[in-house]
Amino acid sequence: MSSLTSLLEKALQKRLRIAKVELITIERGDRWVYAFFSHEGGDVVQGRVIIEWREKPVVQHIDFT
């Protein structure tokens, strides 16, 4: 799970253009991950990350609910 956590953190940091993201919970499906996370501003956000599971997981899409 740590590689998935690292992948999510990096993808969210890049998308949100912020330095630090703290994942609170992760719920994993077959091709997607729902993640509650907070960032430096302190807001807690829920987002969905679509991941293609190959030899290594690759983030395909991020949206926020």
PDB file of N, CA and C in Angstrom:
ATOM      1  N   MET A   1       0.821  -1.198   0.000  1.00  0.00           N
ATOM      2  CA  MET A   1       0.000   0.000   0.000  1.00  0.00           C
ATOM      3  C   MET A   1       0.862   1.258   0.000  1.00  0.00           C
ATOM      4  N   SER A   2       2.101   1.165   0.468  1.00  0.00           N
ATOM      5  CA  SER A   2       2.934   2.356   0.540  1.00  0.00           C
ATOM      6  C   SER A   2       3.258   2.905  -0.847  1.00  0.00           C
ATOM      7  N   SER A   3       3.419   2.026  -1.860  1.00  0.00           N
ATOM      8  CA  SER A   3       3.672   2.528  -3.207  1.00  0.00           C
ATOM      9  C   SER A   3       2.441   3.236  -3.765  1.00  0.00           C
ATOM     10  N   LEU A   4       1.261   2.734  -3.436  1.00  0.00           N
ATOM     11  CA  LEU A   4       0.022   3.401  -3.841  1.00  0.00           C
ATOM     12  C   LEU A   4      -0.100   4.748  -3.141  1.00  0.00           C
ATOM     13  N   THR A   5       0.206   4.790  -1.863  1.00  0.00           N
ATOM     14  CA  THR A   5       0.160   6.046  -1.112  1.00  0.00           C
ATOM     15  C   THR A   5       1.111   7.072  -1.717  1.00  0.00           C
ATOM     16  N   SER A   6       2.317   6.640  -2.023  1.00  0.00           N
ATOM     17  CA  SER A   6       3.315   7.526  -2.626  1.00  0.00           C
ATOM     18  C   SER A   6       2.843   8.031  -3.987  1.00  0.00           C
ATOM     19  N   LEU A   7       2.291   7.151  -4.803  1.00  0.00           N
ATOM     20  CA  LEU A   7       1.772   7.523  -6.116  1.00  0.00           C
ATOM     21  C   LEU A   7       0.666   8.567  -5.978  1.00  0.00           C
ATOM     22  N   LEU A   8      -0.273   8.340  -5.051  1.00  0.00           N
ATOM     23  CA  LEU A   8      -1.365   9.285  -4.835  1.00  0.00           C
ATOM     24  C   LEU A   8      -0.851  10.637  -4.370  1.00  0.00           C
ATOM     25  N   GLU A   9       0.059  10.630  -3.407  1.00  0.00           N
ATOM     26  CA  GLU A   9       0.598  11.887  -2.893  1.00  0.00           C
ATOM     27  C   GLU A   9       1.260  12.692  -4.007  1.00  0.00           C
ATOM     28  N   LYS A  10       2.079  12.037  -4.811  1.00  0.00           N
ATOM     29  CA  LYS A  10       2.775  12.736  -5.898  1.00  0.00           C
ATOM     30  C   LYS A  10       1.785  13.268  -6.935  1.00  0.00           C
ATOM     31  N   ALA A  11       0.787  12.474  -7.298  1.00  0.00           N
ATOM     32  CA  ALA A  11      -0.199  12.897  -8.292  1.00  0.00           C
ATOM     33  C   ALA A  11      -1.014  14.084  -7.786  1.00  0.00           C
ATOM     34  N   LEU A  12      -1.427  14.048  -6.521  1.00  0.00           N
ATOM     35  CA  LEU A  12      -2.219  15.143  -5.957  1.00  0.00           C
ATOM     36  C   LEU A  12      -1.373  16.406  -5.808  1.00  0.00           C
ATOM     37  N   GLN A  13      -0.129  16.253  -5.406  1.00  0.00           N
ATOM     38  CA  GLN A  13       0.751  17.421  -5.293  1.00  0.00           C
ATOM     39  C   GLN A  13       0.927  18.098  -6.651  1.00  0.00           C
ATOM     40  N   LYS A  14       1.116  17.292  -7.668  1.00  0.00           N
ATOM     41  CA  LYS A  14       1.303  17.838  -9.019  1.00  0.00           C
ATOM     42  C   LYS A  14       0.023  18.520  -9.498  1.00  0.00           C
ATOM     43  N   ARG A  15      -1.112  17.876  -9.302  1.00  0.00           N
ATOM     44  CA  ARG A  15      -2.393  18.422  -9.780  1.00  0.00           C
ATOM     45  C   ARG A  15      -2.776  19.692  -9.034  1.00  0.00           C
ATOM     46  N   LEU A  16      -2.568  19.695  -7.717  1.00  0.00           N
ATOM     47  CA  LEU A  16      -2.964  20.840  -6.903  1.00  0.00           C
ATOM     48  C   LEU A  16      -1.877  21.906  -6.815  1.00  0.00           C
ATOM     49  N   ARG A  17      -0.683  21.576  -7.293  1.00  0.00           N
ATOM     50  CA  ARG A  17       0.469  22.475  -7.235  1.00  0.00           C
ATOM     51  C   ARG A  17       0.756  22.940  -5.803  1.00  0.00           C
ATOM     52  N   ILE A  18       0.804  21.975  -4.912  1.00  0.00           N
ATOM     53  CA  ILE A  18       1.138  22.262  -3.523  1.00  0.00           C
ATOM     54  C   ILE A  18       2.257  21.332  -3.083  1.00  0.00           C
ATOM     55  N   ALA A  19       2.913  21.710  -2.013  1.00  0.00           N
ATOM     56  CA  ALA A  19       4.094  20.973  -1.572  1.00  0.00           C
ATOM     57  C   ALA A  19       3.767  19.747  -0.737  1.00  0.00           C
ATOM     58  N   LYS A  20       2.708  19.797   0.057  1.00  0.00           N
ATOM     59  CA  LYS A  20       2.459  18.703   0.996  1.00  0.00           C
ATOM     60  C   LYS A  20       0.990  18.289   0.968  1.00  0.00           C
ATOM     61  N   VAL A  21       0.774  17.000   0.826  1.00  0.00           N
ATOM     62  CA  VAL A  21      -0.560  16.407   0.879  1.00  0.00           C
ATOM     63  C   VAL A  21      -0.520  15.310   1.921  1.00  0.00           C
ATOM     64  N   GLU A  22      -1.506  15.295   2.807  1.00  0.00           N
ATOM     65  CA  GLU A  22      -1.588  14.226   3.805  1.00  0.00           C
ATOM     66  C   GLU A  22      -2.828  13.392   3.519  1.00  0.00           C
ATOM     67  N   LEU A  23      -2.633  12.115   3.178  1.00  0.00           N
ATOM     68  CA  LEU A  23      -3.768  11.230   2.921  1.00  0.00           C
ATOM     69  C   LEU A  23      -4.378  10.810   4.246  1.00  0.00           C
ATOM     70  N   ILE A  24      -5.703  10.870   4.321  1.00  0.00           N
ATOM     71  CA  ILE A  24      -6.407  10.506   5.549  1.00  0.00           C
ATOM     72  C   ILE A  24      -6.966   9.093   5.436  1.00  0.00           C
ATOM     73  N   THR A  25      -7.715   8.828   4.376  1.00  0.00           N
ATOM     74  CA  THR A  25      -8.214   7.475   4.120  1.00  0.00           C
ATOM     75  C   THR A  25      -8.139   7.194   2.624  1.00  0.00           C
ATOM     76  N   ILE A  26      -8.015   5.927   2.301  1.00  0.00           N
ATOM     77  CA  ILE A  26      -7.989   5.485   0.908  1.00  0.00           C
ATOM     78  C   ILE A  26      -8.944   4.308   0.782  1.00  0.00           C
ATOM     79  N   GLU A  27      -9.827   4.366  -0.210  1.00  0.00           N
ATOM     80  CA  GLU A  27     -10.735   3.252  -0.501  1.00  0.00           C
ATOM     81  C   GLU A  27     -10.471   2.836  -1.935  1.00  0.00           C
ATOM     82  N   ARG A  28     -10.046   1.615  -2.125  1.00  0.00           N
ATOM     83  CA  ARG A  28      -9.593   1.177  -3.439  1.00  0.00           C
ATOM     84  C   ARG A  28     -10.615   0.282  -4.123  1.00  0.00           C
ATOM     85  N   GLY A  29     -10.858   0.572  -5.405  1.00  0.00           N
ATOM     86  CA  GLY A  29     -11.667  -0.282  -6.254  1.00  0.00           C
ATOM     87  C   GLY A  29     -10.762  -0.961  -7.268  1.00  0.00           C
ATOM     88  N   ASP A  30     -11.357  -1.499  -8.330  1.00  0.00           N
ATOM     89  CA  ASP A  30     -10.555  -2.180  -9.349  1.00  0.00           C
ATOM     90  C   ASP A  30      -9.676  -1.214 -10.145  1.00  0.00           C
ATOM     91  N   ARG A  31     -10.257  -0.090 -10.565  1.00  0.00           N
ATOM     92  CA  ARG A  31      -9.497   0.859 -11.399  1.00  0.00           C
ATOM     93  C   ARG A  31      -9.461   2.254 -10.803  1.00  0.00           C
ATOM     94  N   TRP A  32      -9.988   2.434  -9.624  1.00  0.00           N
ATOM     95  CA  TRP A  32     -10.053   3.769  -9.051  1.00  0.00           C
ATOM     96  C   TRP A  32      -9.720   3.726  -7.575  1.00  0.00           C
ATOM     97  N   VAL A  33      -9.425   4.882  -7.051  1.00  0.00           N
ATOM     98  CA  VAL A  33      -9.164   5.043  -5.624  1.00  0.00           C
ATOM     99  C   VAL A  33      -9.895   6.299  -5.175  1.00  0.00           C
ATOM    100  N   TYR A  34     -10.688   6.192  -4.111  1.00  0.00           N
ATOM    101  CA  TYR A  34     -11.231   7.387  -3.466  1.00  0.00           C
ATOM    102  C   TYR A  34     -10.289   7.734  -2.334  1.00  0.00           C
ATOM    103  N   ALA A  35      -9.919   8.982  -2.237  1.00  0.00           N
ATOM    104  CA  ALA A  35      -8.979   9.396  -1.196  1.00  0.00           C
ATOM    105  C   ALA A  35      -9.496  10.659  -0.515  1.00  0.00           C
ATOM    106  N   PHE A  36      -9.568  10.635   0.807  1.00  0.00           N
ATOM    107  CA  PHE A  36      -9.772  11.854   1.566  1.00  0.00           C
ATOM    108  C   PHE A  36      -8.386  12.358   1.914  1.00  0.00           C
ATOM    109  N   PHE A  37      -8.140  13.632   1.695  1.00  0.00           N
ATOM    110  CA  PHE A  37      -6.820  14.148   1.992  1.00  0.00           C
ATOM    111  C   PHE A  37      -6.920  15.597   2.435  1.00  0.00           C
ATOM    112  N   SER A  38      -5.901  16.052   3.114  1.00  0.00           N
ATOM    113  CA  SER A  38      -5.815  17.458   3.488  1.00  0.00           C
ATOM    114  C   SER A  38      -4.540  18.015   2.888  1.00  0.00           C
ATOM    115  N   HIS A  39      -4.505  19.326   2.779  1.00  0.00           N
ATOM    116  CA  HIS A  39      -3.289  19.945   2.255  1.00  0.00           C
ATOM    117  C   HIS A  39      -2.913  21.109   3.155  1.00  0.00           C
ATOM    118  N   GLU A  40      -1.876  21.831   2.765  1.00  0.00           N
ATOM    119  CA  GLU A  40      -1.308  22.865   3.622  1.00  0.00           C
ATOM    120  C   GLU A  40      -2.326  23.882   4.107  1.00  0.00           C
ATOM    121  N   GLY A  41      -3.349  24.152   3.298  1.00  0.00           N
ATOM    122  CA  GLY A  41      -4.386  25.106   3.689  1.00  0.00           C
ATOM    123  C   GLY A  41      -5.277  24.571   4.790  1.00  0.00           C
ATOM    124  N   GLY A  42      -5.188  23.257   5.055  1.00  0.00           N
ATOM    125  CA  GLY A  42      -5.959  22.658   6.125  1.00  0.00           C
ATOM    126  C   GLY A  42      -7.303  22.103   5.698  1.00  0.00           C
ATOM    127  N   ASP A  43      -7.735  22.381   4.469  1.00  0.00           N
ATOM    128  CA  ASP A  43      -9.016  21.867   4.006  1.00  0.00           C
ATOM    129  C   ASP A  43      -8.927  20.362   3.795  1.00  0.00           C
ATOM    130  N   VAL A  44     -10.006  19.662   4.127  1.00  0.00           N
ATOM    131  CA  VAL A  44     -10.101  18.232   3.837  1.00  0.00           C
ATOM    132  C   VAL A  44     -10.933  18.097   2.570  1.00  0.00           C
ATOM    133  N   VAL A  45     -10.412  17.356   1.615  1.00  0.00           N
ATOM    134  CA  VAL A  45     -11.015  17.236   0.299  1.00  0.00           C
ATOM    135  C   VAL A  45     -11.190  15.761  -0.022  1.00  0.00           C
ATOM    136  N   GLN A  46     -12.273  15.437  -0.739  1.00  0.00           N
ATOM    137  CA  GLN A  46     -12.443  14.075  -1.232  1.00  0.00           C
ATOM    138  C   GLN A  46     -12.228  14.100  -2.729  1.00  0.00           C
ATOM    139  N   GLY A  47     -11.452  13.174  -3.225  1.00  0.00           N
ATOM    140  CA  GLY A  47     -11.213  13.109  -4.656  1.00  0.00           C
ATOM    141  C   GLY A  47     -11.217  11.677  -5.139  1.00  0.00           C
ATOM    142  N   ARG A  48     -11.385  11.526  -6.437  1.00  0.00           N
ATOM    143  CA  ARG A  48     -11.332  10.206  -7.051  1.00  0.00           C
ATOM    144  C   ARG A  48     -10.159  10.199  -8.014  1.00  0.00           C
ATOM    145  N   VAL A  49      -9.346   9.197  -7.897  1.00  0.00           N
ATOM    146  CA  VAL A  49      -8.178   9.059  -8.762  1.00  0.00           C
ATOM    147  C   VAL A  49      -8.370   7.789  -9.587  1.00  0.00           C
ATOM    148  N   ILE A  50      -8.379   7.942 -10.899  1.00  0.00           N
ATOM    149  CA  ILE A  50      -8.500   6.787 -11.788  1.00  0.00           C
ATOM    150  C   ILE A  50      -7.088   6.294 -12.087  1.00  0.00           C
ATOM    151  N   ILE A  51      -6.861   5.037 -11.819  1.00  0.00           N
ATOM    152  CA  ILE A  51      -5.527   4.465 -11.969  1.00  0.00           C
ATOM    153  C   ILE A  51      -5.597   3.294 -12.940  1.00  0.00           C
ATOM    154  N   GLU A  52      -4.637   3.237 -13.845  1.00  0.00           N
ATOM    155  CA  GLU A  52      -4.507   2.069 -14.708  1.00  0.00           C
ATOM    156  C   GLU A  52      -3.491   1.145 -14.050  1.00  0.00           C
ATOM    157  N   TRP A  53      -3.937  -0.069 -13.754  1.00  0.00           N
ATOM    158  CA  TRP A  53      -3.073  -1.028 -13.070  1.00  0.00           C
ATOM    159  C   TRP A  53      -2.308  -1.837 -14.102  1.00  0.00           C
ATOM    160  N   ARG A  54      -1.057  -1.510 -14.301  1.00  0.00           N
ATOM    161  CA  ARG A  54      -0.161  -2.258 -15.200  1.00  0.00           C
ATOM    162  C   ARG A  54       0.852  -2.955 -14.311  1.00  0.00           C
ATOM    163  N   GLU A  55       2.056  -3.107 -14.806  1.00  0.00           N
ATOM    164  CA  GLU A  55       3.122  -3.621 -13.937  1.00  0.00           C
ATOM    165  C   GLU A  55       3.291  -2.674 -12.758  1.00  0.00           C
ATOM    166  N   LYS A  56       3.190  -1.383 -13.054  1.00  0.00           N
ATOM    167  CA  LYS A  56       3.178  -0.349 -12.027  1.00  0.00           C
ATOM    168  C   LYS A  56       1.879   0.433 -12.216  1.00  0.00           C
ATOM    169  N   PRO A  57       1.226   0.874 -11.147  1.00  0.00           N
ATOM    170  CA  PRO A  57       0.015   1.673 -11.319  1.00  0.00           C
ATOM    171  C   PRO A  57       0.348   3.047 -11.911  1.00  0.00           C
ATOM    172  N   VAL A  58      -0.503   3.508 -12.826  1.00  0.00           N
ATOM    173  CA  VAL A  58      -0.309   4.792 -13.486  1.00  0.00           C
ATOM    174  C   VAL A  58      -1.576   5.620 -13.310  1.00  0.00           C
ATOM    175  N   VAL A  59      -1.450   6.844 -12.817  1.00  0.00           N
ATOM    176  CA  VAL A  59      -2.597   7.731 -12.632  1.00  0.00           C
ATOM    177  C   VAL A  59      -3.061   8.215 -14.002  1.00  0.00           C
ATOM    178  N   GLN A  60      -4.345   8.014 -14.302  1.00  0.00           N
ATOM    179  CA  GLN A  60      -4.922   8.443 -15.569  1.00  0.00           C
ATOM    180  C   GLN A  60      -5.755   9.717 -15.429  1.00  0.00           C
ATOM    181  N   HIS A  61      -6.400   9.902 -14.278  1.00  0.00           N
ATOM    182  CA  HIS A  61      -7.332  11.024 -14.127  1.00  0.00           C
ATOM    183  C   HIS A  61      -7.548  11.307 -12.647  1.00  0.00           C
ATOM    184  N   ILE A  62      -7.747  12.571 -12.304  1.00  0.00           N
ATOM    185  CA  ILE A  62      -8.096  12.967 -10.940  1.00  0.00           C
ATOM    186  C   ILE A  62      -9.289  13.901 -11.031  1.00  0.00           C
ATOM    187  N   ASP A  63     -10.325  13.656 -10.237  1.00  0.00           N
ATOM    188  CA  ASP A  63     -11.398  14.638 -10.104  1.00  0.00           C
ATOM    189  C   ASP A  63     -11.759  14.770  -8.634  1.00  0.00           C
ATOM    190  N   PHE A  64     -12.444  15.845  -8.315  1.00  0.00           N
ATOM    191  CA  PHE A  64     -12.752  16.141  -6.921  1.00  0.00           C
ATOM    192  C   PHE A  64     -14.255  16.247  -6.742  1.00  0.00           C
ATOM    193  N   THR A  65     -14.738  15.719  -5.622  1.00  0.00           N
ATOM    194  CA  THR A  65     -16.168  15.742  -5.345  1.00  0.00           C
ATOM    195  C   THR A  65     -16.467  16.671  -4.205  1.00  0.00           C
TER     196      THR A  65
END
